Full PDB file with SEQRES, HELIX, SHEET, SSBOND, CRYST1, ORIGX, SCALE, CONECT and MASTER records, all heavy atoms in Angstrom:
SEQRES   1 A   42  PHE LEU GLY THR VAL LEU ALA PRO GLY LEU GLY VAL ASP          
SEQRES   2 A   42  THR THR ALA LEU ASN VAL GLY ASP THR PRO PRO PRO SER          
SEQRES   3 A   42  GLU THR THR TRP ARG ASP MET ILE MET GLY MET ILE PRO          
SEQRES   4 A   42  GLN SER PRO                                                  
HELIX    1 AA1 LEU A    2  LEU A    6  1                                   5    
HELIX    2 AA2 TRP A   30  GLY A   36  1                                   7    
CRYST1    1.000    1.000    1.000  90.00  90.00  90.00 P 1           1          
ORIGX1      1.000000  0.000000  0.000000        0.00000                         
ORIGX2      0.000000  1.000000  0.000000        0.00000                         
ORIGX3      0.000000  0.000000  1.000000        0.00000                         
SCALE1      1.000000  0.000000  0.000000        0.00000                         
SCALE2      0.000000  1.000000  0.000000        0.00000                         
SCALE3      0.000000  0.000000  1.000000        0.00000                         
ATOM      1  N   PHE A   1      13.280   2.089   6.726  1.00  0.00           N  
ATOM      2  CA  PHE A   1      14.564   2.525   6.167  1.00  0.00           C  
ATOM      3  C   PHE A   1      15.326   1.344   5.572  1.00  0.00           C  
ATOM      4  O   PHE A   1      15.817   1.411   4.431  1.00  0.00           O  
ATOM      5  CB  PHE A   1      15.404   3.193   7.269  1.00  0.00           C  
ATOM      6  CG  PHE A   1      16.809   3.530   6.846  1.00  0.00           C  
ATOM      7  CD1 PHE A   1      17.064   4.642   6.065  1.00  0.00           C  
ATOM      8  CD2 PHE A   1      17.874   2.719   7.231  1.00  0.00           C  
ATOM      9  CE1 PHE A   1      18.362   4.949   5.661  1.00  0.00           C  
ATOM     10  CE2 PHE A   1      19.172   3.015   6.835  1.00  0.00           C  
ATOM     11  CZ  PHE A   1      19.415   4.136   6.041  1.00  0.00           C  
ATOM     12  N   LEU A   2      15.414   0.250   6.327  1.00  0.00           N  
ATOM     13  CA  LEU A   2      16.120  -0.926   5.828  1.00  0.00           C  
ATOM     14  C   LEU A   2      15.452  -1.484   4.578  1.00  0.00           C  
ATOM     15  O   LEU A   2      16.125  -1.884   3.619  1.00  0.00           O  
ATOM     16  CB  LEU A   2      16.182  -1.998   6.919  1.00  0.00           C  
ATOM     17  CG  LEU A   2      17.043  -1.690   8.152  1.00  0.00           C  
ATOM     18  CD1 LEU A   2      16.895  -2.797   9.193  1.00  0.00           C  
ATOM     19  CD2 LEU A   2      18.509  -1.524   7.763  1.00  0.00           C  
ATOM     20  N   GLY A   3      14.117  -1.517   4.594  1.00  0.00           N  
ATOM     21  CA  GLY A   3      13.398  -2.041   3.443  1.00  0.00           C  
ATOM     22  C   GLY A   3      13.544  -1.173   2.215  1.00  0.00           C  
ATOM     23  O   GLY A   3      13.604  -1.669   1.084  1.00  0.00           O  
ATOM     24  N   THR A   4      13.616   0.160   2.411  1.00  0.00           N  
ATOM     25  CA  THR A   4      13.751   1.078   1.284  1.00  0.00           C  
ATOM     26  C   THR A   4      15.158   1.066   0.710  1.00  0.00           C  
ATOM     27  O   THR A   4      15.351   1.000  -0.507  1.00  0.00           O  
ATOM     28  CB  THR A   4      13.378   2.509   1.718  1.00  0.00           C  
ATOM     29  OG1 THR A   4      12.038   2.527   2.208  1.00  0.00           O  
ATOM     30  CG2 THR A   4      13.498   3.475   0.550  1.00  0.00           C  
ATOM     31  N   VAL A   5      16.160   1.128   1.573  1.00  0.00           N  
ATOM     32  CA  VAL A   5      17.545   1.246   1.125  1.00  0.00           C  
ATOM     33  C   VAL A   5      18.076  -0.081   0.587  1.00  0.00           C  
ATOM     34  O   VAL A   5      18.714  -0.126  -0.481  1.00  0.00           O  
ATOM     35  CB  VAL A   5      18.440   1.753   2.275  1.00  0.00           C  
ATOM     36  CG1 VAL A   5      19.906   1.739   1.865  1.00  0.00           C  
ATOM     37  CG2 VAL A   5      18.021   3.166   2.677  1.00  0.00           C  
ATOM     38  N   LEU A   6      17.825  -1.168   1.296  1.00  0.00           N  
ATOM     39  CA  LEU A   6      18.395  -2.460   0.916  1.00  0.00           C  
ATOM     40  C   LEU A   6      17.464  -3.301   0.047  1.00  0.00           C  
ATOM     41  O   LEU A   6      17.891  -4.292  -0.538  1.00  0.00           O  
ATOM     42  CB  LEU A   6      18.799  -3.234   2.175  1.00  0.00           C  
ATOM     43  CG  LEU A   6      19.848  -2.512   3.036  1.00  0.00           C  
ATOM     44  CD1 LEU A   6      20.163  -3.304   4.294  1.00  0.00           C  
ATOM     45  CD2 LEU A   6      21.119  -2.261   2.247  1.00  0.00           C  
ATOM     46  N   ALA A   7      16.184  -2.917  -0.029  1.00  0.00           N  
ATOM     47  CA  ALA A   7      15.226  -3.465  -0.993  1.00  0.00           C  
ATOM     48  C   ALA A   7      15.276  -4.983  -1.136  1.00  0.00           C  
ATOM     49  O   ALA A   7      15.670  -5.507  -2.183  1.00  0.00           O  
ATOM     50  CB  ALA A   7      15.436  -2.807  -2.353  1.00  0.00           C  
ATOM     51  N   PRO A   8      14.868  -5.732  -0.088  1.00  0.00           N  
ATOM     52  CA  PRO A   8      14.950  -7.204  -0.179  1.00  0.00           C  
ATOM     53  C   PRO A   8      14.001  -7.818  -1.187  1.00  0.00           C  
ATOM     54  O   PRO A   8      14.221  -8.950  -1.617  1.00  0.00           O  
ATOM     55  CB  PRO A   8      14.597  -7.642   1.250  1.00  0.00           C  
ATOM     56  CG  PRO A   8      13.748  -6.530   1.789  1.00  0.00           C  
ATOM     57  CD  PRO A   8      14.324  -5.276   1.194  1.00  0.00           C  
ATOM     58  N   GLY A   9      12.945  -7.102  -1.593  1.00  0.00           N  
ATOM     59  CA  GLY A   9      11.954  -7.695  -2.487  1.00  0.00           C  
ATOM     60  C   GLY A   9      12.167  -7.413  -3.958  1.00  0.00           C  
ATOM     61  O   GLY A   9      11.418  -7.935  -4.798  1.00  0.00           O  
ATOM     62  N   LEU A  10      13.164  -6.602  -4.309  1.00  0.00           N  
ATOM     63  CA  LEU A  10      13.401  -6.304  -5.717  1.00  0.00           C  
ATOM     64  C   LEU A  10      14.042  -7.489  -6.428  1.00  0.00           C  
ATOM     65  O   LEU A  10      14.790  -8.252  -5.838  1.00  0.00           O  
ATOM     66  CB  LEU A  10      14.300  -5.072  -5.851  1.00  0.00           C  
ATOM     67  CG  LEU A  10      13.683  -3.723  -5.458  1.00  0.00           C  
ATOM     68  CD1 LEU A  10      14.669  -2.596  -5.738  1.00  0.00           C  
ATOM     69  CD2 LEU A  10      12.375  -3.479  -6.190  1.00  0.00           C  
ATOM     70  N   GLY A  11      13.739  -7.605  -7.728  1.00  0.00           N  
ATOM     71  CA  GLY A  11      14.359  -8.648  -8.533  1.00  0.00           C  
ATOM     72  C   GLY A  11      13.587  -9.935  -8.606  1.00  0.00           C  
ATOM     73  O   GLY A  11      14.037 -10.889  -9.235  1.00  0.00           O  
ATOM     74  N   VAL A  12      12.406  -9.986  -7.958  1.00  0.00           N  
ATOM     75  CA  VAL A  12      11.574 -11.189  -8.009  1.00  0.00           C  
ATOM     76  C   VAL A  12      10.505 -10.997  -9.079  1.00  0.00           C  
ATOM     77  O   VAL A  12       9.697 -10.065  -8.997  1.00  0.00           O  
ATOM     78  CB  VAL A  12      10.916 -11.483  -6.650  1.00  0.00           C  
ATOM     79  CG1 VAL A  12      10.061 -12.740  -6.746  1.00  0.00           C  
ATOM     80  CG2 VAL A  12      11.979 -11.634  -5.579  1.00  0.00           C  
ATOM     81  N   ASP A  13      10.501 -11.837 -10.085  1.00  0.00           N  
ATOM     82  CA  ASP A  13       9.526 -11.750 -11.169  1.00  0.00           C  
ATOM     83  C   ASP A  13       8.247 -12.454 -10.746  1.00  0.00           C  
ATOM     84  O   ASP A  13       8.200 -13.675 -10.606  1.00  0.00           O  
ATOM     85  CB  ASP A  13      10.089 -12.397 -12.428  1.00  0.00           C  
ATOM     86  CG  ASP A  13       9.134 -12.267 -13.612  1.00  0.00           C  
ATOM     87  OD1 ASP A  13       8.122 -11.544 -13.484  1.00  0.00           O  
ATOM     88  OD2 ASP A  13       9.407 -12.889 -14.657  1.00  0.00           O  
ATOM     89  N   THR A  14       7.201 -11.670 -10.518  1.00  0.00           N  
ATOM     90  CA  THR A  14       5.924 -12.237 -10.043  1.00  0.00           C  
ATOM     91  C   THR A  14       4.884 -12.298 -11.148  1.00  0.00           C  
ATOM     92  O   THR A  14       3.698 -12.481 -10.866  1.00  0.00           O  
ATOM     93  CB  THR A  14       5.379 -11.398  -8.877  1.00  0.00           C  
ATOM     94  OG1 THR A  14       5.184 -10.043  -9.322  1.00  0.00           O  
ATOM     95  CG2 THR A  14       6.339 -11.401  -7.708  1.00  0.00           C  
ATOM     96  N   THR A  15       5.285 -12.143 -12.387  1.00  0.00           N  
ATOM     97  CA  THR A  15       4.299 -12.140 -13.470  1.00  0.00           C  
ATOM     98  C   THR A  15       3.585 -13.484 -13.594  1.00  0.00           C  
ATOM     99  O   THR A  15       2.466 -13.547 -14.101  1.00  0.00           O  
ATOM    100  CB  THR A  15       4.987 -11.815 -14.805  1.00  0.00           C  
ATOM    101  OG1 THR A  15       6.062 -12.741 -15.033  1.00  0.00           O  
ATOM    102  CG2 THR A  15       5.549 -10.398 -14.788  1.00  0.00           C  
ATOM    103  N   ALA A  16       4.230 -14.560 -13.107  1.00  0.00           N  
ATOM    104  CA  ALA A  16       3.613 -15.892 -13.199  1.00  0.00           C  
ATOM    105  C   ALA A  16       2.579 -16.124 -12.105  1.00  0.00           C  
ATOM    106  O   ALA A  16       1.839 -17.103 -12.153  1.00  0.00           O  
ATOM    107  CB  ALA A  16       4.682 -16.974 -13.113  1.00  0.00           C  
ATOM    108  N   LEU A  17       2.532 -15.214 -11.148  1.00  0.00           N  
ATOM    109  CA  LEU A  17       1.587 -15.383 -10.046  1.00  0.00           C  
ATOM    110  C   LEU A  17       0.244 -14.786 -10.407  1.00  0.00           C  
ATOM    111  O   LEU A  17       0.159 -13.702 -10.975  1.00  0.00           O  
ATOM    112  CB  LEU A  17       2.106 -14.723  -8.765  1.00  0.00           C  
ATOM    113  CG  LEU A  17       3.419 -15.268  -8.198  1.00  0.00           C  
ATOM    114  CD1 LEU A  17       3.749 -14.544  -6.908  1.00  0.00           C  
ATOM    115  CD2 LEU A  17       3.315 -16.756  -7.952  1.00  0.00           C  
ATOM    116  N   ASN A  18      -0.807 -15.473 -10.036  1.00  0.00           N  
ATOM    117  CA  ASN A  18      -2.160 -14.982 -10.272  1.00  0.00           C  
ATOM    118  C   ASN A  18      -2.720 -14.429  -8.971  1.00  0.00           C  
ATOM    119  O   ASN A  18      -3.370 -15.123  -8.206  1.00  0.00           O  
ATOM    120  CB  ASN A  18      -3.048 -16.123 -10.785  1.00  0.00           C  
ATOM    121  CG  ASN A  18      -4.464 -15.645 -11.083  1.00  0.00           C  
ATOM    122  OD1 ASN A  18      -4.699 -14.459 -11.300  1.00  0.00           O  
ATOM    123  ND2 ASN A  18      -5.397 -16.596 -11.105  1.00  0.00           N  
ATOM    124  N   VAL A  19      -2.421 -13.160  -8.713  1.00  0.00           N  
ATOM    125  CA  VAL A  19      -2.849 -12.556  -7.453  1.00  0.00           C  
ATOM    126  C   VAL A  19      -3.861 -11.438  -7.655  1.00  0.00           C  
ATOM    127  O   VAL A  19      -4.205 -10.729  -6.727  1.00  0.00           O  
ATOM    128  CB  VAL A  19      -1.634 -12.005  -6.678  1.00  0.00           C  
ATOM    129  CG1 VAL A  19      -0.681 -13.113  -6.314  1.00  0.00           C  
ATOM    130  CG2 VAL A  19      -0.912 -10.928  -7.489  1.00  0.00           C  
ATOM    131  N   GLY A  20      -4.322 -11.271  -8.892  1.00  0.00           N  
ATOM    132  CA  GLY A  20      -5.286 -10.211  -9.138  1.00  0.00           C  
ATOM    133  C   GLY A  20      -4.587  -8.877  -9.323  1.00  0.00           C  
ATOM    134  O   GLY A  20      -3.372  -8.749  -9.235  1.00  0.00           O  
ATOM    135  N   ASP A  21      -5.371  -7.869  -9.586  1.00  0.00           N  
ATOM    136  CA  ASP A  21      -4.828  -6.534  -9.798  1.00  0.00           C  
ATOM    137  C   ASP A  21      -4.423  -5.911  -8.473  1.00  0.00           C  
ATOM    138  O   ASP A  21      -5.166  -5.970  -7.490  1.00  0.00           O  
ATOM    139  CB  ASP A  21      -5.870  -5.639 -10.483  1.00  0.00           C  
ATOM    140  CG  ASP A  21      -6.200  -6.132 -11.896  1.00  0.00           C  
ATOM    141  OD1 ASP A  21      -5.292  -6.725 -12.523  1.00  0.00           O  
ATOM    142  OD2 ASP A  21      -7.347  -5.928 -12.339  1.00  0.00           O  
ATOM    143  N   THR A  22      -3.250  -5.293  -8.464  1.00  0.00           N  
ATOM    144  CA  THR A  22      -2.775  -4.610  -7.273  1.00  0.00           C  
ATOM    145  C   THR A  22      -3.498  -3.282  -7.128  1.00  0.00           C  
ATOM    146  O   THR A  22      -3.568  -2.513  -8.087  1.00  0.00           O  
ATOM    147  CB  THR A  22      -1.266  -4.359  -7.355  1.00  0.00           C  
ATOM    148  OG1 THR A  22      -0.603  -5.605  -7.498  1.00  0.00           O  
ATOM    149  CG2 THR A  22      -0.763  -3.646  -6.113  1.00  0.00           C  
ATOM    150  N   PRO A  23      -4.063  -2.981  -5.975  1.00  0.00           N  
ATOM    151  CA  PRO A  23      -4.768  -1.717  -5.800  1.00  0.00           C  
ATOM    152  C   PRO A  23      -3.833  -0.541  -6.043  1.00  0.00           C  
ATOM    153  O   PRO A  23      -2.650  -0.597  -5.706  1.00  0.00           O  
ATOM    154  CB  PRO A  23      -5.220  -1.763  -4.327  1.00  0.00           C  
ATOM    155  CG  PRO A  23      -5.175  -3.211  -3.956  1.00  0.00           C  
ATOM    156  CD  PRO A  23      -4.082  -3.804  -4.767  1.00  0.00           C  
ATOM    157  N   PRO A  24      -4.340   0.535  -6.663  1.00  0.00           N  
ATOM    158  CA  PRO A  24      -3.496   1.713  -6.881  1.00  0.00           C  
ATOM    159  C   PRO A  24      -3.195   2.413  -5.570  1.00  0.00           C  
ATOM    160  O   PRO A  24      -3.899   2.225  -4.582  1.00  0.00           O  
ATOM    161  CB  PRO A  24      -4.380   2.596  -7.781  1.00  0.00           C  
ATOM    162  CG  PRO A  24      -5.790   2.197  -7.443  1.00  0.00           C  
ATOM    163  CD  PRO A  24      -5.712   0.733  -7.141  1.00  0.00           C  
ATOM    164  N   PRO A  25      -2.114   3.215  -5.530  1.00  0.00           N  
ATOM    165  CA  PRO A  25      -1.798   3.948  -4.308  1.00  0.00           C  
ATOM    166  C   PRO A  25      -2.941   4.859  -3.896  1.00  0.00           C  
ATOM    167  O   PRO A  25      -3.689   5.369  -4.726  1.00  0.00           O  
ATOM    168  CB  PRO A  25      -0.548   4.759  -4.702  1.00  0.00           C  
ATOM    169  CG  PRO A  25       0.017   4.066  -5.893  1.00  0.00           C  
ATOM    170  CD  PRO A  25      -1.145   3.457  -6.604  1.00  0.00           C  
ATOM    171  N   SER A  26      -3.067   5.049  -2.612  1.00  0.00           N  
ATOM    172  CA  SER A  26      -4.128   5.903  -2.096  1.00  0.00           C  
ATOM    173  C   SER A  26      -3.899   7.355  -2.489  1.00  0.00           C  
ATOM    174  O   SER A  26      -2.769   7.864  -2.455  1.00  0.00           O  
ATOM    175  CB  SER A  26      -4.181   5.789  -0.560  1.00  0.00           C  
ATOM    176  OG  SER A  26      -5.105   6.718  -0.045  1.00  0.00           O  
ATOM    177  N   GLU A  27      -4.965   8.049  -2.912  1.00  0.00           N  
ATOM    178  CA  GLU A  27      -4.879   9.450  -3.273  1.00  0.00           C  
ATOM    179  C   GLU A  27      -5.624  10.330  -2.271  1.00  0.00           C  
ATOM    180  O   GLU A  27      -5.946  11.475  -2.561  1.00  0.00           O  
ATOM    181  CB  GLU A  27      -5.439   9.667  -4.678  1.00  0.00           C  
ATOM    182  CG  GLU A  27      -4.656   8.916  -5.770  1.00  0.00           C  
ATOM    183  CD  GLU A  27      -5.220   9.165  -7.157  1.00  0.00           C  
ATOM    184  OE1 GLU A  27      -6.258   9.860  -7.245  1.00  0.00           O  
ATOM    185  OE2 GLU A  27      -4.636   8.665  -8.132  1.00  0.00           O  
ATOM    186  N   THR A  28      -5.891   9.809  -1.113  1.00  0.00           N  
ATOM    187  CA  THR A  28      -6.600  10.577  -0.100  1.00  0.00           C  
ATOM    188  C   THR A  28      -5.695  11.654   0.476  1.00  0.00           C  
ATOM    189  O   THR A  28      -4.481  11.505   0.562  1.00  0.00           O  
ATOM    190  CB  THR A  28      -7.076   9.659   1.039  1.00  0.00           C  
ATOM    191  OG1 THR A  28      -5.935   8.967   1.583  1.00  0.00           O  
ATOM    192  CG2 THR A  28      -8.067   8.637   0.524  1.00  0.00           C  
ATOM    193  N   THR A  29      -6.320  12.774   0.864  1.00  0.00           N  
ATOM    194  CA  THR A  29      -5.572  13.873   1.466  1.00  0.00           C  
ATOM    195  C   THR A  29      -5.386  13.620   2.953  1.00  0.00           C  
ATOM    196  O   THR A  29      -5.969  12.691   3.524  1.00  0.00           O  
ATOM    197  CB  THR A  29      -6.329  15.192   1.261  1.00  0.00           C  
ATOM    198  OG1 THR A  29      -7.568  15.139   1.999  1.00  0.00           O  
ATOM    199  CG2 THR A  29      -6.632  15.416  -0.221  1.00  0.00           C  
ATOM    200  N   TRP A  30      -4.567  14.475   3.588  1.00  0.00           N  
ATOM    201  CA  TRP A  30      -4.341  14.317   5.021  1.00  0.00           C  
ATOM    202  C   TRP A  30      -5.629  14.564   5.791  1.00  0.00           C  
ATOM    203  O   TRP A  30      -5.852  13.981   6.851  1.00  0.00           O  
ATOM    204  CB  TRP A  30      -3.232  15.248   5.487  1.00  0.00           C  
ATOM    205  CG  TRP A  30      -3.531  16.723   5.373  1.00  0.00           C  
ATOM    206  CD1 TRP A  30      -3.275  17.534   4.301  1.00  0.00           C  
ATOM    207  CD2 TRP A  30      -4.154  17.551   6.363  1.00  0.00           C  
ATOM    208  NE1 TRP A  30      -3.701  18.810   4.545  1.00  0.00           N  
ATOM    209  CE2 TRP A  30      -4.232  18.858   5.813  1.00  0.00           C  
ATOM    210  CE3 TRP A  30      -4.640  17.318   7.644  1.00  0.00           C  
ATOM    211  CZ2 TRP A  30      -4.785  19.920   6.510  1.00  0.00           C  
ATOM    212  CZ3 TRP A  30      -5.188  18.383   8.340  1.00  0.00           C  
ATOM    213  CH2 TRP A  30      -5.264  19.664   7.781  1.00  0.00           C  
ATOM    214  N   ARG A  31      -6.504  15.414   5.264  1.00  0.00           N  
ATOM    215  CA  ARG A  31      -7.796  15.653   5.922  1.00  0.00           C  
ATOM    216  C   ARG A  31      -8.656  14.387   5.891  1.00  0.00           C  
ATOM    217  O   ARG A  31      -9.306  14.041   6.883  1.00  0.00           O  
ATOM    218  CB  ARG A  31      -8.532  16.814   5.251  1.00  0.00           C  
ATOM    219  CG  ARG A  31      -7.849  18.168   5.418  1.00  0.00           C  
ATOM    220  CD  ARG A  31      -8.650  19.279   4.733  1.00  0.00           C  
ATOM    221  NE  ARG A  31      -8.044  20.579   4.915  1.00  0.00           N  
ATOM    222  CZ  ARG A  31      -7.079  21.071   4.146  1.00  0.00           C  
ATOM    223  NH1 ARG A  31      -6.617  20.339   3.128  1.00  0.00           N  
ATOM    224  NH2 ARG A  31      -6.579  22.268   4.383  1.00  0.00           N  
ATOM    225  N   ASP A  32      -8.651  13.716   4.715  1.00  0.00           N  
ATOM    226  CA  ASP A  32      -9.405  12.460   4.600  1.00  0.00           C  
ATOM    227  C   ASP A  32      -8.855  11.406   5.553  1.00  0.00           C  
ATOM    228  O   ASP A  32      -9.605  10.628   6.146  1.00  0.00           O  
ATOM    229  CB  ASP A  32      -9.349  11.934   3.164  1.00  0.00           C  
ATOM    230  CG  ASP A  32     -10.026  12.867   2.169  1.00  0.00           C  
ATOM    231  OD1 ASP A  32     -10.986  13.561   2.580  1.00  0.00           O  
ATOM    232  OD2 ASP A  32      -9.589  12.905   1.010  1.00  0.00           O  
ATOM    233  N   MET A  33      -7.519  11.398   5.696  1.00  0.00           N  
ATOM    234  CA  MET A  33      -6.898  10.419   6.574  1.00  0.00           C  
ATOM    235  C   MET A  33      -7.307  10.652   8.027  1.00  0.00           C  
ATOM    236  O   MET A  33      -7.600   9.710   8.764  1.00  0.00           O  
ATOM    237  CB  MET A  33      -5.375  10.474   6.431  1.00  0.00           C  
ATOM    238  CG  MET A  33      -4.637   9.399   7.214  1.00  0.00           C  
ATOM    239  SD  MET A  33      -2.842   9.425   6.940  1.00  0.00           S  
ATOM    240  CE  MET A  33      -2.777   8.997   5.203  1.00  0.00           C  
ATOM    241  N   ILE A  34      -7.314  11.935   8.442  1.00  0.00           N  
ATOM    242  CA  ILE A  34      -7.713  12.253   9.817  1.00  0.00           C  
ATOM    243  C   ILE A  34      -9.166  11.869  10.056  1.00  0.00           C  
ATOM    244  O   ILE A  34      -9.505  11.245  11.073  1.00  0.00           O  
ATOM    245  CB  ILE A  34      -7.480  13.745  10.107  1.00  0.00           C  
ATOM    246  CG1 ILE A  34      -5.976  14.042  10.141  1.00  0.00           C  
ATOM    247  CG2 ILE A  34      -8.119  14.134  11.443  1.00  0.00           C  
ATOM    248  CD1 ILE A  34      -5.645  15.507  10.322  1.00  0.00           C  
ATOM    249  N   MET A  35     -10.035  12.223   9.112  1.00  0.00           N  
ATOM    250  CA  MET A  35     -11.451  11.870   9.272  1.00  0.00           C  
ATOM    251  C   MET A  35     -11.646  10.355   9.236  1.00  0.00           C  
ATOM    252  O   MET A  35     -12.513   9.817   9.931  1.00  0.00           O  
ATOM    253  CB  MET A  35     -12.276  12.524   8.160  1.00  0.00           C  
ATOM    254  CG  MET A  35     -12.419  14.029   8.295  1.00  0.00           C  
ATOM    255  SD  MET A  35     -13.195  14.520   9.870  1.00  0.00           S  
ATOM    256  CE  MET A  35     -14.799  13.708   9.730  1.00  0.00           C  
ATOM    257  N   GLY A  36     -10.811   9.672   8.459  1.00  0.00           N  
ATOM    258  CA  GLY A  36     -10.924   8.217   8.378  1.00  0.00           C  
ATOM    259  C   GLY A  36     -10.520   7.513   9.648  1.00  0.00           C  
ATOM    260  O   GLY A  36     -10.853   6.343   9.855  1.00  0.00           O  
ATOM    261  N   MET A  37      -9.787   8.214  10.523  1.00  0.00           N  
ATOM    262  CA  MET A  37      -9.373   7.621  11.796  1.00  0.00           C  
ATOM    263  C   MET A  37     -10.512   7.587  12.806  1.00  0.00           C  
ATOM    264  O   MET A  37     -10.438   6.870  13.801  1.00  0.00           O  
ATOM    265  CB  MET A  37      -8.197   8.406  12.385  1.00  0.00           C  
ATOM    266  CG  MET A  37      -6.925   8.311  11.570  1.00  0.00           C  
ATOM    267  SD  MET A  37      -5.641   9.466  12.140  1.00  0.00           S  
ATOM    268  CE  MET A  37      -5.432   8.914  13.842  1.00  0.00           C  
ATOM    269  N   ILE A  38     -11.555   8.373  12.569  1.00  0.00           N  
ATOM    270  CA  ILE A  38     -12.672   8.459  13.523  1.00  0.00           C  
ATOM    271  C   ILE A  38     -13.676   7.352  13.230  1.00  0.00           C  
ATOM    272  O   ILE A  38     -14.254   7.299  12.140  1.00  0.00           O  
ATOM    273  CB  ILE A  38     -13.353   9.834  13.440  1.00  0.00           C  
ATOM    274  CG1 ILE A  38     -12.331  10.942  13.706  1.00  0.00           C  
ATOM    275  CG2 ILE A  38     -14.516   9.914  14.431  1.00  0.00           C  
ATOM    276  CD1 ILE A  38     -12.866  12.336  13.481  1.00  0.00           C  
ATOM    277  N   PRO A  39     -13.910   6.454  14.169  1.00  0.00           N  
ATOM    278  CA  PRO A  39     -14.841   5.326  13.932  1.00  0.00           C  
ATOM    279  C   PRO A  39     -16.303   5.768  14.064  1.00  0.00           C  
ATOM    280  O   PRO A  39     -16.923   5.599  15.105  1.00  0.00           O  
ATOM    281  CB  PRO A  39     -14.458   4.337  15.046  1.00  0.00           C  
ATOM    282  CG  PRO A  39     -13.928   5.210  16.148  1.00  0.00           C  
ATOM    283  CD  PRO A  39     -13.264   6.392  15.496  1.00  0.00           C  
ATOM    284  N   GLN A  40     -16.836   6.329  13.004  1.00  0.00           N  
ATOM    285  CA  GLN A  40     -18.211   6.835  13.052  1.00  0.00           C  
ATOM    286  C   GLN A  40     -19.216   5.712  13.297  1.00  0.00           C  
ATOM    287  O   GLN A  40     -20.247   5.920  13.912  1.00  0.00           O  
ATOM    288  CB  GLN A  40     -18.532   7.573  11.751  1.00  0.00           C  
ATOM    289  CG  GLN A  40     -17.607   8.759  11.492  1.00  0.00           C  
ATOM    290  CD  GLN A  40     -17.961   9.498  10.216  1.00  0.00           C  
ATOM    291  OE1 GLN A  40     -19.128   9.665   9.877  1.00  0.00           O  
ATOM    292  NE2 GLN A  40     -16.949   9.947   9.498  1.00  0.00           N  
ATOM    293  N   SER A  41     -18.913   4.529  12.788  1.00  0.00           N  
ATOM    294  CA  SER A  41     -19.739   3.355  13.059  1.00  0.00           C  
ATOM    295  C   SER A  41     -18.808   2.193  13.399  1.00  0.00           C  
ATOM    296  O   SER A  41     -18.259   1.557  12.492  1.00  0.00           O  
ATOM    297  CB  SER A  41     -20.605   3.000  11.844  1.00  0.00           C  
ATOM    298  OG  SER A  41     -21.258   1.755  12.047  1.00  0.00           O  
ATOM    299  N   PRO A  42     -18.603   1.923  14.682  1.00  0.00           N  
ATOM    300  CA  PRO A  42     -17.682   0.847  15.064  1.00  0.00           C  
ATOM    301  C   PRO A  42     -18.025  -0.504  14.436  1.00  0.00           C  
ATOM    302  O   PRO A  42     -17.125  -1.262  14.064  1.00  0.00           O  
ATOM    303  CB  PRO A  42     -17.814   0.796  16.591  1.00  0.00           C  
ATOM    304  CG  PRO A  42     -18.238   2.182  16.969  1.00  0.00           C  
ATOM    305  CD  PRO A  42     -19.132   2.634  15.857  1.00  0.00           C  
TER     306      PRO A  42                                                      
MASTER        0    0    0    2    0    0    0    6  305    1    0    4          
END                                                                             
């Protein structure tokens, strides 16, 4: 809540940083998330 409302990280220009491409947001469904919680191979 504090991070969303008060947004401490906004306003920083990071274009000069070479950190690679940022991964896109996850598009997995809630079913995929539940199945992903099960460690089929530890």
